[in-house]
C-alpha atoms as a PDB file:
ATOM      1  CA  MET A   1      34.911 -44.926  44.483  1.00  0.00           C
ATOM      2  CA  ASN A   2      34.431 -42.890  47.649  1.00  0.00           C
ATOM      3  CA  THR A   3      33.484 -39.421  46.462  1.00  0.00           C
ATOM      4  CA  GLU A   4      33.973 -37.798  49.854  1.00  0.00           C
ATOM      5  CA  LYS A   5      37.515 -39.153  50.276  1.00  0.00           C
ATOM      6  CA  GLU A   6      38.458 -38.107  46.735  1.00  0.00           C
ATOM      7  CA  ILE A   7      37.128 -34.586  47.295  1.00  0.00           C
ATOM      8  CA  LEU A   8      38.904 -34.263  50.651  1.00  0.00           C
ATOM      9  CA  SER A   9      42.117 -35.369  48.995  1.00  0.00           C
ATOM     10  CA  LEU A  10      41.688 -32.764  46.242  1.00  0.00           C
ATOM     11  CA  LEU A  11      40.882 -30.032  48.760  1.00  0.00           C
ATOM     12  CA  ASP A  12      43.988 -30.888  50.743  1.00  0.00           C
ATOM     13  CA  GLU A  13      46.152 -30.891  47.628  1.00  0.00           C
ATOM     14  CA  ILE A  14      44.792 -27.796  45.894  1.00  0.00           C
ATOM     15  CA  LEU A  15      44.479 -25.661  49.028  1.00  0.00           C
ATOM     16  CA  SER A  16      47.761 -26.881  50.541  1.00  0.00           C
ATOM     17  CA  LEU A  17      45.995 -27.817  53.775  1.00  0.00           C
ATOM     18  CA  ASN A  18      48.800 -30.145  54.892  1.00  0.00           C
ATOM     19  CA  GLY A  19      46.436 -32.884  56.035  1.00  0.00           C
ATOM     20  CA  ARG A  20      43.829 -30.635  57.698  1.00  0.00           C
ATOM     21  CA  SER A  21      41.107 -32.025  55.443  1.00  0.00           C
ATOM     22  CA  ALA A  22      41.361 -35.374  57.286  1.00  0.00           C
ATOM     23  CA  ALA A  23      39.391 -33.762  60.119  1.00  0.00           C
ATOM     24  CA  PHE A  24      36.639 -32.464  57.810  1.00  0.00           C
ATOM     25  CA  SER A  25      33.131 -33.955  57.884  1.00  0.00           C
ATOM     26  CA  LEU A  26      30.218 -33.499  55.495  1.00  0.00           C
ATOM     27  CA  ASP A  27      29.082 -30.566  57.664  1.00  0.00           C
ATOM     28  CA  THR A  28      32.411 -28.723  57.486  1.00  0.00           C
ATOM     29  CA  PRO A  29      31.868 -25.260  55.988  1.00  0.00           C
ATOM     30  CA  LEU A  30      34.063 -24.389  53.030  1.00  0.00           C
ATOM     31  CA  LEU A  31      33.427 -21.132  51.178  1.00  0.00           C
ATOM     32  CA  GLY A  32      33.977 -18.242  53.557  1.00  0.00           C
ATOM     33  CA  ALA A  33      35.306 -20.520  56.306  1.00  0.00           C
ATOM     34  CA  ILE A  34      38.565 -21.676  54.742  1.00  0.00           C
ATOM     35  CA  PRO A  35      40.687 -18.686  53.703  1.00  0.00           C
ATOM     36  CA  GLU A  36      42.601 -20.773  51.166  1.00  0.00           C
ATOM     37  CA  LEU A  37      39.376 -21.369  49.188  1.00  0.00           C
ATOM     38  CA  ASP A  38      39.363 -18.185  47.141  1.00  0.00           C
ATOM     39  CA  SER A  39      38.046 -17.667  43.612  1.00  0.00           C
ATOM     40  CA  MET A  40      41.225 -18.985  41.988  1.00  0.00           C
ATOM     41  CA  ALA A  41      41.136 -22.081  44.187  1.00  0.00           C
ATOM     42  CA  VAL A  42      37.495 -22.683  43.201  1.00  0.00           C
ATOM     43  CA  VAL A  43      38.498 -22.659  39.525  1.00  0.00           C
ATOM     44  CA  ALA A  44      41.415 -25.027  40.207  1.00  0.00           C
ATOM     45  CA  LEU A  45      39.163 -27.322  42.226  1.00  0.00           C
ATOM     46  CA  LEU A  46      36.526 -27.439  39.479  1.00  0.00           C
ATOM     47  CA  THR A  47      39.184 -28.226  36.884  1.00  0.00           C
ATOM     48  CA  GLN A  48      40.574 -31.044  39.015  1.00  0.00           C
ATOM     49  CA  LEU A  49      37.084 -32.421  39.751  1.00  0.00           C
ATOM     50  CA  GLU A  50      36.339 -32.521  36.031  1.00  0.00           C
ATOM     51  CA  GLY A  51      39.593 -34.330  35.337  1.00  0.00           C
ATOM     52  CA  ARG A  52      39.432 -36.781  38.217  1.00  0.00           C
ATOM     53  CA  PHE A  53      35.765 -37.714  37.829  1.00  0.00           C
ATOM     54  CA  GLY A  54      35.431 -37.314  34.056  1.00  0.00           C
ATOM     55  CA  PHE A  55      32.554 -34.863  33.799  1.00  0.00           C
ATOM     56  CA  GLY A  56      32.150 -31.307  32.556  1.00  0.00           C
ATOM     57  CA  VAL A  57      30.765 -28.357  34.494  1.00  0.00           C
ATOM     58  CA  ASP A  58      28.905 -25.528  32.788  1.00  0.00           C
ATOM     59  CA  ASP A  59      29.161 -22.018  34.228  1.00  0.00           C
ATOM     60  CA  ASP A  60      25.440 -21.920  35.037  1.00  0.00           C
ATOM     61  CA  GLU A  61      25.730 -25.069  37.184  1.00  0.00           C
ATOM     62  CA  ILE A  62      27.915 -23.394  39.791  1.00  0.00           C
ATOM     63  CA  ASP A  63      26.948 -21.074  42.607  1.00  0.00           C
ATOM     64  CA  GLY A  64      28.130 -20.443  46.136  1.00  0.00           C
ATOM     65  CA  ALA A  65      25.829 -23.129  47.552  1.00  0.00           C
ATOM     66  CA  THR A  66      27.882 -25.779  45.741  1.00  0.00           C
ATOM     67  CA  PHE A  67      30.869 -24.882  47.906  1.00  0.00           C
ATOM     68  CA  ALA A  68      28.981 -24.165  51.148  1.00  0.00           C
ATOM     69  CA  THR A  69      30.072 -27.382  52.872  1.00  0.00           C
ATOM     70  CA  VAL A  70      31.974 -30.558  52.116  1.00  0.00           C
ATOM     71  CA  GLY A  71      28.590 -32.283  51.910  1.00  0.00           C
ATOM     72  CA  SER A  72      27.181 -29.865  49.326  1.00  0.00           C
ATOM     73  CA  LEU A  73      30.280 -30.364  47.183  1.00  0.00           C
ATOM     74  CA  VAL A  74      30.008 -34.161  47.510  1.00  0.00           C
ATOM     75  CA  GLU A  75      26.320 -33.976  46.532  1.00  0.00           C
ATOM     76  CA  PHE A  76      27.171 -31.879  43.481  1.00  0.00           C
ATOM     77  CA  VAL A  77      29.807 -34.373  42.313  1.00  0.00           C
ATOM     78  CA  ASP A  78      27.498 -37.339  42.991  1.00  0.00           C
ATOM     79  CA  ARG A  79      24.750 -35.681  40.905  1.00  0.00           C
ATOM     80  CA  LYS A  80      27.210 -35.091  38.059  1.00  0.00           C
ATOM     81  CA  LEU A  81      28.347 -38.725  38.197  1.00  0.00           C
ATOM     82  CA  ALA A  82      24.741 -39.979  38.109  1.00  0.00           C
ATOM     83  CA  VAL A  83      24.059 -38.249  34.780  1.00  0.00           C
END
């Protein structure tokens, strides 16, 4: 499974980016840089990540740094999958 590709696909779907996520790299900023990524979108993204990857996320595991870049989000998911 390619975590980065799965996350980019989810971002594109949830944020209705119409394929824009294909140009994203691990360094692409997310929170504060993509207007579509608001608080409701973060909740939807977390829900979809839990469902797609089969892990749970506790409230105290999430902060803004998790959504700083595509890479930080990929690292978070990879850490959850390693548990």
